C-alpha atoms as a PDB file:
ATOM      1  CA  MET A   1       1.545  10.527   3.245  1.00  0.00           C
ATOM      2  CA  LYS A   2       3.079   8.926  -0.035  1.00  0.00           C
ATOM      3  CA  ARG A   3       6.311   8.923  -0.342  1.00  0.00           C
ATOM      4  CA  ILE A   4       7.211   8.587  -4.186  1.00  0.00           C
ATOM      5  CA  PHE A   5      10.630   8.312  -5.837  1.00  0.00           C
ATOM      6  CA  LEU A   6      10.436   9.863  -9.321  1.00  0.00           C
ATOM      7  CA  ASP A   7      12.437   8.854 -12.043  1.00  0.00           C
ATOM      8  CA  THR A   8      14.772  11.496 -14.102  1.00  0.00           C
ATOM      9  CA  ASN A   9      12.538  11.713 -17.130  1.00  0.00           C
ATOM     10  CA  ILE A  10       9.685  12.888 -15.297  1.00  0.00           C
ATOM     11  CA  LEU A  11      11.900  15.919 -13.466  1.00  0.00           C
ATOM     12  CA  ILE A  12      13.591  16.616 -17.435  1.00  0.00           C
ATOM     13  CA  ASP A  13       9.520  16.915 -18.488  1.00  0.00           C
ATOM     14  CA  PHE A  14       8.710  19.102 -15.961  1.00  0.00           C
ATOM     15  CA  PHE A  15      11.875  21.342 -16.096  1.00  0.00           C
ATOM     16  CA  ALA A  16      12.160  21.456 -19.461  1.00  0.00           C
ATOM     17  CA  ASP A  17       7.713  21.783 -19.809  1.00  0.00           C
ATOM     18  CA  ARG A  18       7.843  18.895 -22.365  1.00  0.00           C
ATOM     19  CA  LYS A  19       4.570  18.805 -22.990  1.00  0.00           C
ATOM     20  CA  PRO A  20       1.907  17.074 -22.515  1.00  0.00           C
ATOM     21  CA  PHE A  21       4.434  15.249 -20.106  1.00  0.00           C
ATOM     22  CA  SER A  22       5.441  18.407 -18.090  1.00  0.00           C
ATOM     23  CA  ILE A  23       0.996  18.426 -17.133  1.00  0.00           C
ATOM     24  CA  GLU A  24       1.445  15.356 -15.374  1.00  0.00           C
ATOM     25  CA  ALA A  25       5.017  16.337 -13.517  1.00  0.00           C
ATOM     26  CA  ALA A  26       3.636  19.759 -12.515  1.00  0.00           C
ATOM     27  CA  LYS A  27       0.716  17.964 -10.638  1.00  0.00           C
ATOM     28  CA  LEU A  28       2.817  15.661  -8.935  1.00  0.00           C
ATOM     29  CA  PHE A  29       5.075  18.721  -7.865  1.00  0.00           C
ATOM     30  CA  ASN A  30       1.999  20.527  -6.583  1.00  0.00           C
ATOM     31  CA  TYR A  31       0.926  17.417  -4.071  1.00  0.00           C
ATOM     32  CA  SER A  32       4.515  17.838  -2.900  1.00  0.00           C
ATOM     33  CA  PHE A  33       4.103  21.268  -2.368  1.00  0.00           C
ATOM     34  CA  LYS A  34       0.762  21.195  -0.534  1.00  0.00           C
ATOM     35  CA  LYS A  35       2.302  18.382   1.430  1.00  0.00           C
ATOM     36  CA  LYS A  36      -0.112  15.890  -0.293  1.00  0.00           C
ATOM     37  CA  ILE A  37       3.369  13.563  -0.421  1.00  0.00           C
ATOM     38  CA  ASN A  38       6.730  13.027  -0.057  1.00  0.00           C
ATOM     39  CA  ILE A  39       9.004  13.615  -3.755  1.00  0.00           C
ATOM     40  CA  TYR A  40      12.322  11.542  -3.233  1.00  0.00           C
ATOM     41  CA  ILE A  41      15.071  11.225  -6.158  1.00  0.00           C
ATOM     42  CA  SER A  42      18.240  10.083  -7.191  1.00  0.00           C
ATOM     43  CA  ALA A  43      21.547  12.018  -6.424  1.00  0.00           C
ATOM     44  CA  VAL A  44      22.866  11.181 -10.028  1.00  0.00           C
ATOM     45  CA  SER A  45      19.491  12.874 -11.567  1.00  0.00           C
ATOM     46  CA  TYR A  46      21.297  15.870 -10.915  1.00  0.00           C
ATOM     47  CA  ASN A  47      23.621  15.594 -13.528  1.00  0.00           C
ATOM     48  CA  ASN A  48      21.910  14.023 -15.860  1.00  0.00           C
ATOM     49  CA  ILE A  49      18.943  16.948 -15.725  1.00  0.00           C
ATOM     50  CA  TYR A  50      21.715  19.337 -16.311  1.00  0.00           C
ATOM     51  CA  TYR A  51      22.696  17.662 -19.376  1.00  0.00           C
ATOM     52  CA  ILE A  52      19.858  17.902 -20.619  1.00  0.00           C
ATOM     53  CA  ILE A  53      18.522  21.829 -19.530  1.00  0.00           C
ATOM     54  CA  ARG A  54      21.822  23.250 -19.927  1.00  0.00           C
ATOM     55  CA  GLN A  55      20.983  22.877 -23.868  1.00  0.00           C
ATOM     56  CA  SER A  56      18.336  24.961 -23.669  1.00  0.00           C
ATOM     57  CA  PHE A  57      18.782  27.578 -20.584  1.00  0.00           C
ATOM     58  CA  SER A  58      22.076  29.196 -19.108  1.00  0.00           C
ATOM     59  CA  HIS A  59      24.388  27.824 -16.866  1.00  0.00           C
ATOM     60  CA  LEU A  60      22.907  29.839 -14.545  1.00  0.00           C
ATOM     61  CA  GLU A  61      19.370  28.966 -15.064  1.00  0.00           C
ATOM     62  CA  THR A  62      19.932  25.486 -15.420  1.00  0.00           C
ATOM     63  CA  ILE A  63      21.823  25.866 -11.389  1.00  0.00           C
ATOM     64  CA  LYS A  64      18.786  28.116 -10.421  1.00  0.00           C
ATOM     65  CA  MET A  65      16.327  25.231 -11.556  1.00  0.00           C
ATOM     66  CA  LEU A  66      18.275  22.440  -9.824  1.00  0.00           C
ATOM     67  CA  SER A  67      19.046  24.784  -6.089  1.00  0.00           C
ATOM     68  CA  GLU A  68      14.716  24.179  -6.405  1.00  0.00           C
ATOM     69  CA  LEU A  69      14.991  21.399  -7.163  1.00  0.00           C
ATOM     70  CA  ASN A  70      17.023  20.805  -4.426  1.00  0.00           C
ATOM     71  CA  GLU A  71      14.549  22.657  -1.833  1.00  0.00           C
ATOM     72  CA  TRP A  72      11.351  21.099  -3.207  1.00  0.00           C
ATOM     73  CA  THR A  73      12.978  16.917  -3.099  1.00  0.00           C
ATOM     74  CA  ASP A  74      14.507  14.145  -0.501  1.00  0.00           C
ATOM     75  CA  VAL A  75      17.738  13.600  -2.213  1.00  0.00           C
ATOM     76  CA  ILE A  76      18.813   9.851  -2.226  1.00  0.00           C
ATOM     77  CA  ASP A  77      22.930   9.970  -2.296  1.00  0.00           C
ATOM     78  CA  VAL A  78      24.366   7.067  -4.504  1.00  0.00           C
ATOM     79  CA  SER A  79      26.710   5.040  -2.896  1.00  0.00           C
ATOM     80  CA  LYS A  80      29.440   2.337  -3.758  1.00  0.00           C
ATOM     81  CA  GLU A  81      26.924  -0.469  -2.497  1.00  0.00           C
ATOM     82  CA  ILE A  82      24.158   0.889  -4.549  1.00  0.00           C
ATOM     83  CA  ILE A  83      26.285   1.066  -7.717  1.00  0.00           C
ATOM     84  CA  LYS A  84      27.702  -2.974  -6.999  1.00  0.00           C
ATOM     85  CA  LYS A  85      23.879  -3.820  -6.525  1.00  0.00           C
ATOM     86  CA  ALA A  86      22.945  -1.885 -10.041  1.00  0.00           C
ATOM     87  CA  LEU A  87      26.304  -3.500 -12.049  1.00  0.00           C
ATOM     88  CA  LYS A  88      24.643  -6.654 -11.136  1.00  0.00           C
ATOM     89  CA  SER A  89      21.181  -5.782 -11.351  1.00  0.00           C
ATOM     90  CA  ASP A  90      19.133  -7.412 -14.437  1.00  0.00           C
ATOM     91  CA  PHE A  91      18.372  -3.775 -15.789  1.00  0.00           C
ATOM     92  CA  LYS A  92      19.397  -3.181 -19.299  1.00  0.00           C
ATOM     93  CA  ASP A  93      19.831   0.772 -18.314  1.00  0.00           C
ATOM     94  CA  PHE A  94      22.181   1.071 -16.259  1.00  0.00           C
ATOM     95  CA  GLU A  95      20.816   4.772 -15.110  1.00  0.00           C
ATOM     96  CA  ASP A  96      17.484   3.486 -14.132  1.00  0.00           C
ATOM     97  CA  ALA A  97      19.263   0.675 -12.443  1.00  0.00           C
ATOM     98  CA  ILE A  98      21.159   3.298 -10.189  1.00  0.00           C
ATOM     99  CA  GLN A  99      17.537   5.222  -9.162  1.00  0.00           C
ATOM    100  CA  TYR A 100      15.859   2.016  -8.538  1.00  0.00           C
ATOM    101  CA  ASN A 101      18.566   0.651  -6.132  1.00  0.00           C
ATOM    102  CA  CYS A 102      18.552   4.178  -4.987  1.00  0.00           C
ATOM    103  CA  ALA A 103      14.735   4.274  -4.339  1.00  0.00           C
ATOM    104  CA  LYS A 104      15.307   0.660  -2.967  1.00  0.00           C
ATOM    105  CA  SER A 105      18.071   1.649  -0.024  1.00  0.00           C
ATOM    106  CA  PHE A 106      14.962   3.826   1.036  1.00  0.00           C
ATOM    107  CA  ASN A 107      12.674   1.738   2.911  1.00  0.00           C
ATOM    108  CA  LYS A 108       9.974   3.758   2.792  1.00  0.00           C
ATOM    109  CA  ILE A 109       9.187   4.452  -0.742  1.00  0.00           C
ATOM    110  CA  ASP A 110       5.532   3.616  -1.611  1.00  0.00           C
ATOM    111  CA  PHE A 111       6.341   3.558  -5.509  1.00  0.00           C
ATOM    112  CA  ILE A 112       8.643   5.237  -8.242  1.00  0.00           C
ATOM    113  CA  VAL A 113       7.139   6.987 -11.204  1.00  0.00           C
ATOM    114  CA  THR A 114       8.052   6.964 -14.266  1.00  0.00           C
ATOM    115  CA  ARG A 115       7.322   7.191 -18.240  1.00  0.00           C
ATOM    116  CA  ASP A 116       9.695   4.031 -18.737  1.00  0.00           C
ATOM    117  CA  THR A 117       7.669   1.152 -17.429  1.00  0.00           C
ATOM    118  CA  LYS A 118       8.877  -1.601 -19.119  1.00  0.00           C
ATOM    119  CA  ASP A 119      12.692  -0.743 -17.794  1.00  0.00           C
ATOM    120  CA  PHE A 120      11.607  -1.577 -14.582  1.00  0.00           C
ATOM    121  CA  LYS A 121       9.822  -4.787 -15.125  1.00  0.00           C
ATOM    122  CA  THR A 122      12.484  -6.996 -12.430  1.00  0.00           C
ATOM    123  CA  SER A 123      11.458  -4.309  -9.706  1.00  0.00           C
ATOM    124  CA  ALA A 124      10.124  -4.782  -6.259  1.00  0.00           C
ATOM    125  CA  LEU A 125       9.178  -1.479  -5.752  1.00  0.00           C
ATOM    126  CA  PRO A 126       5.328  -1.021  -7.879  1.00  0.00           C
ATOM    127  CA  ILE A 127       6.336   1.027 -10.607  1.00  0.00           C
ATOM    128  CA  LEU A 128       3.820   3.516 -12.051  1.00  0.00           C
ATOM    129  CA  THR A 129       2.975   6.117 -14.724  1.00  0.00           C
ATOM    130  CA  PRO A 130       2.696   9.433 -13.622  1.00  0.00           C
ATOM    131  CA  ARG A 131      -0.914   9.378 -14.679  1.00  0.00           C
ATOM    132  CA  GLU A 132      -1.330   6.285 -12.326  1.00  0.00           C
ATOM    133  CA  ALA A 133       0.415   7.973  -9.740  1.00  0.00           C
ATOM    134  CA  LEU A 134      -1.891  10.703  -9.873  1.00  0.00           C
ATOM    135  CA  ALA A 135      -5.200   8.700  -9.863  1.00  0.00           C
ATOM    136  CA  LEU A 136      -3.200   6.884  -6.329  1.00  0.00           C
ATOM    137  CA  ILE A 137      -2.554   9.653  -5.035  1.00  0.00           C
ATOM    138  CA  GLU A 138      -6.526  11.545  -5.900  1.00  0.00           C
ATOM    139  CA  ASP A 139      -8.268   8.175  -4.590  1.00  0.00           C
ATOM    140  CA  SER A 140      -6.142   8.801  -0.755  1.00  0.00           C
ATOM    141  CA  ASN A 141      -6.940  12.159  -0.349  1.00  0.00           C
ATOM    142  CA  SER A 142     -10.613  12.204  -1.384  1.00  0.00           C
END
């Protein structure tokens, strides 16, 4: 079973239903529900998702979505060590540096899924778009 790390942009695509991106995000979650993959996210994603989703939904609706996300995924904590590594990294986007170092801290992640692959060009982990991830998952399940 593949262990994938989702960048916050994929999670926001899903919850904000940002078409056409939400379709691929929904397919990834569907594979998780079918126990074909395990989805991991960074704890830092929660506040970023809340900030964006809260602009369109009430506080209670947003909290309900985040509660569902908590049930559907495994969360990797952000530690002082992860922040130190992010601060020293070559990443131009600090949030991506945090997420990358969270994923890297959990040695069992197979790949990171993001729409911003250029932001992860120095990654030691494979970086896939949602479409590439889905193709890989579908190939390994056939």
